[in-house]
Amino acid sequence: MKKKLDNTTAAMQELGRENQSLQIKHTQALNRKWAEDNEVQNCMACGKGFSVTVRRHHCRQCGNIFCAECSAKNALTPSSKKPVRVCDTCFNDLQG
């Protein structure tokens, strides 16, 4: 009986930690700033300059602006029901 209580207590503590982590991520998502196109002249990852042929793409997770190569991946985010364009850094974070 004591072992079952210990296991249940440990499970509740783990759920509490996971809940806290999700609340922090949710708050970060609500507070993120969408970068303005006219304020960003270069990819925020590789530094490539934007032009008529090198287009800007917003990461749907962090809101920063990247070239196509640095934002070529799609992933589910907490605010999306289907996979959306994300930068490489956010893609790796979302996979973890």
N, C-alpha and C. Protein backbone atom coordinates (compact mmCIF):
# COMPACT_ATOMS: atom_id res chain seq x y z
N MET A 1 0.83 -1.19 0.00
CA MET A 1 0.00 0.00 0.00
C MET A 1 0.88 1.26 0.00
N LYS A 2 1.95 1.25 0.83
CA LYS A 2 2.85 2.39 0.90
C LYS A 2 3.55 2.61 -0.44
N LYS A 3 3.94 1.52 -1.11
CA LYS A 3 4.61 1.65 -2.40
C LYS A 3 3.67 2.29 -3.42
N LYS A 4 2.42 1.90 -3.39
CA LYS A 4 1.43 2.47 -4.31
C LYS A 4 1.24 3.97 -4.04
N LEU A 5 1.21 4.34 -2.76
CA LEU A 5 1.09 5.75 -2.39
C LEU A 5 2.32 6.54 -2.86
N ASP A 6 3.50 5.96 -2.67
CA ASP A 6 4.75 6.61 -3.11
C ASP A 6 4.75 6.80 -4.63
N ASN A 7 4.32 5.78 -5.36
CA ASN A 7 4.26 5.88 -6.83
C ASN A 7 3.26 6.94 -7.27
N THR A 8 2.12 7.00 -6.61
CA THR A 8 1.10 8.00 -6.94
C THR A 8 1.60 9.40 -6.63
N THR A 9 2.27 9.57 -5.50
CA THR A 9 2.83 10.87 -5.13
C THR A 9 3.88 11.31 -6.15
N ALA A 10 4.74 10.40 -6.56
CA ALA A 10 5.77 10.72 -7.55
C ALA A 10 5.14 11.11 -8.88
N ALA A 11 4.09 10.40 -9.27
CA ALA A 11 3.39 10.72 -10.52
C ALA A 11 2.75 12.10 -10.45
N MET A 12 2.15 12.43 -9.31
CA MET A 12 1.53 13.75 -9.14
C MET A 12 2.59 14.86 -9.20
N GLN A 13 3.74 14.64 -8.60
CA GLN A 13 4.81 15.62 -8.64
C GLN A 13 5.31 15.83 -10.07
N GLU A 14 5.44 14.75 -10.81
CA GLU A 14 5.87 14.84 -12.21
C GLU A 14 4.85 15.60 -13.04
N LEU A 15 3.57 15.33 -12.83
CA LEU A 15 2.53 16.06 -13.54
C LEU A 15 2.56 17.55 -13.19
N GLY A 16 2.82 17.85 -11.94
CA GLY A 16 2.93 19.25 -11.51
C GLY A 16 4.07 19.96 -12.21
N ARG A 17 5.22 19.29 -12.32
CA ARG A 17 6.36 19.89 -13.03
C ARG A 17 6.05 20.10 -14.51
N GLU A 18 5.43 19.11 -15.13
CA GLU A 18 5.07 19.21 -16.54
C GLU A 18 4.06 20.34 -16.76
N ASN A 19 3.09 20.47 -15.87
CA ASN A 19 2.10 21.53 -15.96
C ASN A 19 2.78 22.90 -15.87
N GLN A 20 3.71 23.04 -14.95
CA GLN A 20 4.42 24.31 -14.78
C GLN A 20 5.22 24.63 -16.05
N SER A 21 5.88 23.64 -16.62
CA SER A 21 6.65 23.84 -17.84
C SER A 21 5.74 24.28 -18.98
N LEU A 22 4.59 23.65 -19.11
CA LEU A 22 3.65 24.02 -20.17
C LEU A 22 3.09 25.43 -19.96
N GLN A 23 2.85 25.82 -18.72
CA GLN A 23 2.37 27.18 -18.43
C GLN A 23 3.42 28.22 -18.83
N ILE A 24 4.70 27.93 -18.56
CA ILE A 24 5.78 28.84 -18.93
C ILE A 24 5.85 28.97 -20.45
N LYS A 25 5.79 27.85 -21.16
CA LYS A 25 5.84 27.88 -22.62
C LYS A 25 4.65 28.63 -23.20
N HIS A 26 3.48 28.45 -22.61
CA HIS A 26 2.27 29.14 -23.07
C HIS A 26 2.42 30.64 -22.88
N THR A 27 2.93 31.06 -21.73
CA THR A 27 3.14 32.49 -21.46
C THR A 27 4.14 33.08 -22.44
N GLN A 28 5.22 32.35 -22.72
CA GLN A 28 6.22 32.82 -23.68
C GLN A 28 5.59 32.99 -25.06
N ALA A 29 4.74 32.06 -25.45
CA ALA A 29 4.09 32.14 -26.76
C ALA A 29 3.16 33.35 -26.83
N LEU A 30 2.46 33.64 -25.76
CA LEU A 30 1.55 34.79 -25.74
C LEU A 30 2.30 36.11 -25.78
N ASN A 31 3.52 36.14 -25.23
CA ASN A 31 4.28 37.38 -25.13
C ASN A 31 5.25 37.61 -26.29
N ARG A 32 5.35 36.66 -27.21
CA ARG A 32 6.32 36.83 -28.29
C ARG A 32 5.90 37.99 -29.21
N LYS A 33 6.91 38.64 -29.78
CA LYS A 33 6.67 39.76 -30.68
C LYS A 33 6.92 39.30 -32.11
N TRP A 34 5.98 39.57 -32.98
CA TRP A 34 6.10 39.25 -34.39
C TRP A 34 7.01 40.30 -35.01
N ALA A 35 8.15 39.89 -35.55
CA ALA A 35 9.10 40.84 -36.14
C ALA A 35 8.46 41.52 -37.36
N GLU A 36 8.69 42.82 -37.49
CA GLU A 36 8.15 43.59 -38.62
C GLU A 36 9.04 43.41 -39.84
N ASP A 37 8.44 43.15 -40.99
CA ASP A 37 9.20 42.94 -42.23
C ASP A 37 10.18 44.08 -42.51
N ASN A 38 9.72 45.32 -42.35
CA ASN A 38 10.56 46.47 -42.72
C ASN A 38 11.69 46.72 -41.73
N GLU A 39 11.69 46.04 -40.59
CA GLU A 39 12.75 46.21 -39.60
C GLU A 39 13.88 45.19 -39.78
N VAL A 40 13.66 44.18 -40.60
CA VAL A 40 14.64 43.09 -40.74
C VAL A 40 15.10 43.01 -42.20
N GLN A 41 16.40 43.24 -42.42
CA GLN A 41 16.96 43.24 -43.78
C GLN A 41 17.71 41.95 -44.11
N ASN A 42 18.02 41.17 -43.06
CA ASN A 42 18.80 39.94 -43.26
C ASN A 42 18.19 38.80 -42.45
N CYS A 43 18.40 37.58 -42.94
CA CYS A 43 17.96 36.38 -42.23
C CYS A 43 18.54 36.40 -40.82
N MET A 44 17.71 36.13 -39.84
CA MET A 44 18.14 36.18 -38.44
C MET A 44 18.95 34.95 -38.03
N ALA A 45 19.13 34.00 -38.95
CA ALA A 45 19.96 32.83 -38.65
C ALA A 45 21.29 32.90 -39.41
N CYS A 46 21.21 33.00 -40.74
CA CYS A 46 22.44 32.92 -41.55
C CYS A 46 22.94 34.29 -42.01
N GLY A 47 22.12 35.32 -41.89
CA GLY A 47 22.55 36.66 -42.27
C GLY A 47 22.37 37.01 -43.74
N LYS A 48 21.81 36.09 -44.53
CA LYS A 48 21.59 36.35 -45.96
C LYS A 48 20.67 37.55 -46.12
N GLY A 49 21.03 38.46 -47.04
CA GLY A 49 20.23 39.66 -47.29
C GLY A 49 18.96 39.33 -48.07
N PHE A 50 17.86 39.96 -47.69
CA PHE A 50 16.59 39.75 -48.39
C PHE A 50 16.54 40.62 -49.64
N SER A 51 15.88 40.10 -50.68
CA SER A 51 15.76 40.81 -51.95
C SER A 51 14.48 40.34 -52.63
N VAL A 52 14.36 40.68 -53.90
CA VAL A 52 13.20 40.25 -54.67
C VAL A 52 13.18 38.72 -54.77
N THR A 53 14.37 38.11 -54.86
CA THR A 53 14.44 36.66 -55.02
C THR A 53 14.64 35.91 -53.70
N VAL A 54 15.11 36.58 -52.66
CA VAL A 54 15.28 35.96 -51.34
C VAL A 54 14.21 36.53 -50.43
N ARG A 55 13.16 35.76 -50.24
CA ARG A 55 11.99 36.25 -49.51
C ARG A 55 12.12 36.05 -48.01
N ARG A 56 11.35 36.88 -47.27
CA ARG A 56 11.27 36.78 -45.81
C ARG A 56 10.19 35.76 -45.43
N HIS A 57 10.49 34.99 -44.40
CA HIS A 57 9.51 34.02 -43.87
C HIS A 57 9.50 34.14 -42.35
N HIS A 58 8.32 34.31 -41.76
CA HIS A 58 8.21 34.36 -40.30
C HIS A 58 8.15 32.94 -39.73
N CYS A 59 8.90 32.73 -38.67
CA CYS A 59 8.76 31.49 -37.91
C CYS A 59 7.48 31.62 -37.10
N ARG A 60 6.60 30.65 -37.18
CA ARG A 60 5.31 30.72 -36.49
C ARG A 60 5.42 30.42 -34.99
N GLN A 61 6.62 30.06 -34.55
CA GLN A 61 6.83 29.81 -33.13
C GLN A 61 7.44 31.03 -32.43
N CYS A 62 8.57 31.53 -32.94
CA CYS A 62 9.26 32.64 -32.27
C CYS A 62 8.92 34.00 -32.86
N GLY A 63 8.40 34.04 -34.10
CA GLY A 63 8.02 35.30 -34.72
C GLY A 63 9.15 36.02 -35.44
N ASN A 64 10.34 35.46 -35.43
CA ASN A 64 11.47 36.09 -36.11
C ASN A 64 11.41 35.80 -37.61
N ILE A 65 12.25 36.50 -38.38
CA ILE A 65 12.22 36.39 -39.84
C ILE A 65 13.47 35.69 -40.35
N PHE A 66 13.25 34.73 -41.28
CA PHE A 66 14.32 33.90 -41.81
C PHE A 66 14.18 33.73 -43.31
N CYS A 67 15.28 33.33 -43.96
CA CYS A 67 15.22 32.96 -45.38
C CYS A 67 14.56 31.57 -45.48
N ALA A 68 14.26 31.17 -46.71
CA ALA A 68 13.59 29.88 -46.92
C ALA A 68 14.40 28.70 -46.39
N GLU A 69 15.73 28.75 -46.59
CA GLU A 69 16.57 27.63 -46.16
C GLU A 69 16.58 27.47 -44.64
N CYS A 70 16.54 28.58 -43.93
CA CYS A 70 16.61 28.53 -42.45
C CYS A 70 15.24 28.36 -41.80
N SER A 71 14.20 28.29 -42.62
CA SER A 71 12.85 28.07 -42.07
C SER A 71 12.09 27.08 -42.95
N ALA A 72 12.80 26.06 -43.39
CA ALA A 72 12.22 25.10 -44.33
C ALA A 72 11.42 23.99 -43.66
N LYS A 73 11.49 23.91 -42.33
CA LYS A 73 10.82 22.80 -41.64
C LYS A 73 9.43 23.22 -41.15
N ASN A 74 8.57 22.23 -41.00
CA ASN A 74 7.24 22.44 -40.45
C ASN A 74 7.10 21.60 -39.18
N ALA A 75 6.39 22.16 -38.19
CA ALA A 75 6.19 21.44 -36.93
C ALA A 75 4.89 21.89 -36.29
N LEU A 76 4.36 21.04 -35.44
CA LEU A 76 3.19 21.42 -34.64
C LEU A 76 3.66 22.35 -33.53
N THR A 77 2.98 23.46 -33.34
CA THR A 77 3.28 24.37 -32.24
C THR A 77 2.11 24.34 -31.27
N PRO A 78 2.29 24.85 -30.05
CA PRO A 78 1.18 24.86 -29.10
C PRO A 78 -0.04 25.61 -29.61
N SER A 79 0.17 26.56 -30.54
CA SER A 79 -0.96 27.36 -31.02
C SER A 79 -1.47 26.93 -32.40
N SER A 80 -0.98 25.79 -32.92
CA SER A 80 -1.43 25.35 -34.24
C SER A 80 -2.07 23.97 -34.18
N LYS A 81 -3.01 23.76 -35.08
CA LYS A 81 -3.67 22.45 -35.18
C LYS A 81 -3.02 21.59 -36.25
N LYS A 82 -2.23 22.21 -37.11
CA LYS A 82 -1.51 21.49 -38.16
C LYS A 82 -0.08 22.02 -38.19
N PRO A 83 0.86 21.26 -38.79
CA PRO A 83 2.24 21.73 -38.85
C PRO A 83 2.36 23.07 -39.59
N VAL A 84 3.19 23.96 -39.06
CA VAL A 84 3.41 25.28 -39.64
C VAL A 84 4.91 25.54 -39.79
N ARG A 85 5.27 26.55 -40.62
CA ARG A 85 6.68 26.89 -40.87
C ARG A 85 7.34 27.37 -39.59
N VAL A 86 8.49 26.78 -39.29
CA VAL A 86 9.27 27.19 -38.12
C VAL A 86 10.74 27.26 -38.50
N CYS A 87 11.50 28.05 -37.75
CA CYS A 87 12.96 28.11 -37.97
C CYS A 87 13.59 26.83 -37.43
N ASP A 88 14.85 26.62 -37.80
CA ASP A 88 15.54 25.40 -37.38
C ASP A 88 15.64 25.28 -35.86
N THR A 89 15.91 26.41 -35.17
CA THR A 89 16.04 26.38 -33.71
C THR A 89 14.73 25.97 -33.06
N CYS A 90 13.62 26.59 -33.48
CA CYS A 90 12.32 26.25 -32.89
C CYS A 90 11.93 24.82 -33.24
N PHE A 91 12.27 24.37 -34.46
CA PHE A 91 11.97 22.99 -34.84
C PHE A 91 12.63 22.03 -33.85
N ASN A 92 13.91 22.26 -33.58
CA ASN A 92 14.63 21.39 -32.64
C ASN A 92 14.05 21.48 -31.24
N ASP A 93 13.68 22.68 -30.78
CA ASP A 93 13.06 22.85 -29.46
C ASP A 93 11.73 22.12 -29.37
N LEU A 94 10.94 22.19 -30.44
CA LEU A 94 9.62 21.56 -30.43
C LEU A 94 9.69 20.05 -30.48
N GLN A 95 10.79 19.51 -30.99
CA GLN A 95 10.95 18.05 -31.07
C GLN A 95 11.34 17.46 -29.71
N GLY A 96 11.89 18.30 -28.82
CA GLY A 96 12.40 17.82 -27.53
C GLY A 96 11.40 17.63 -26.48
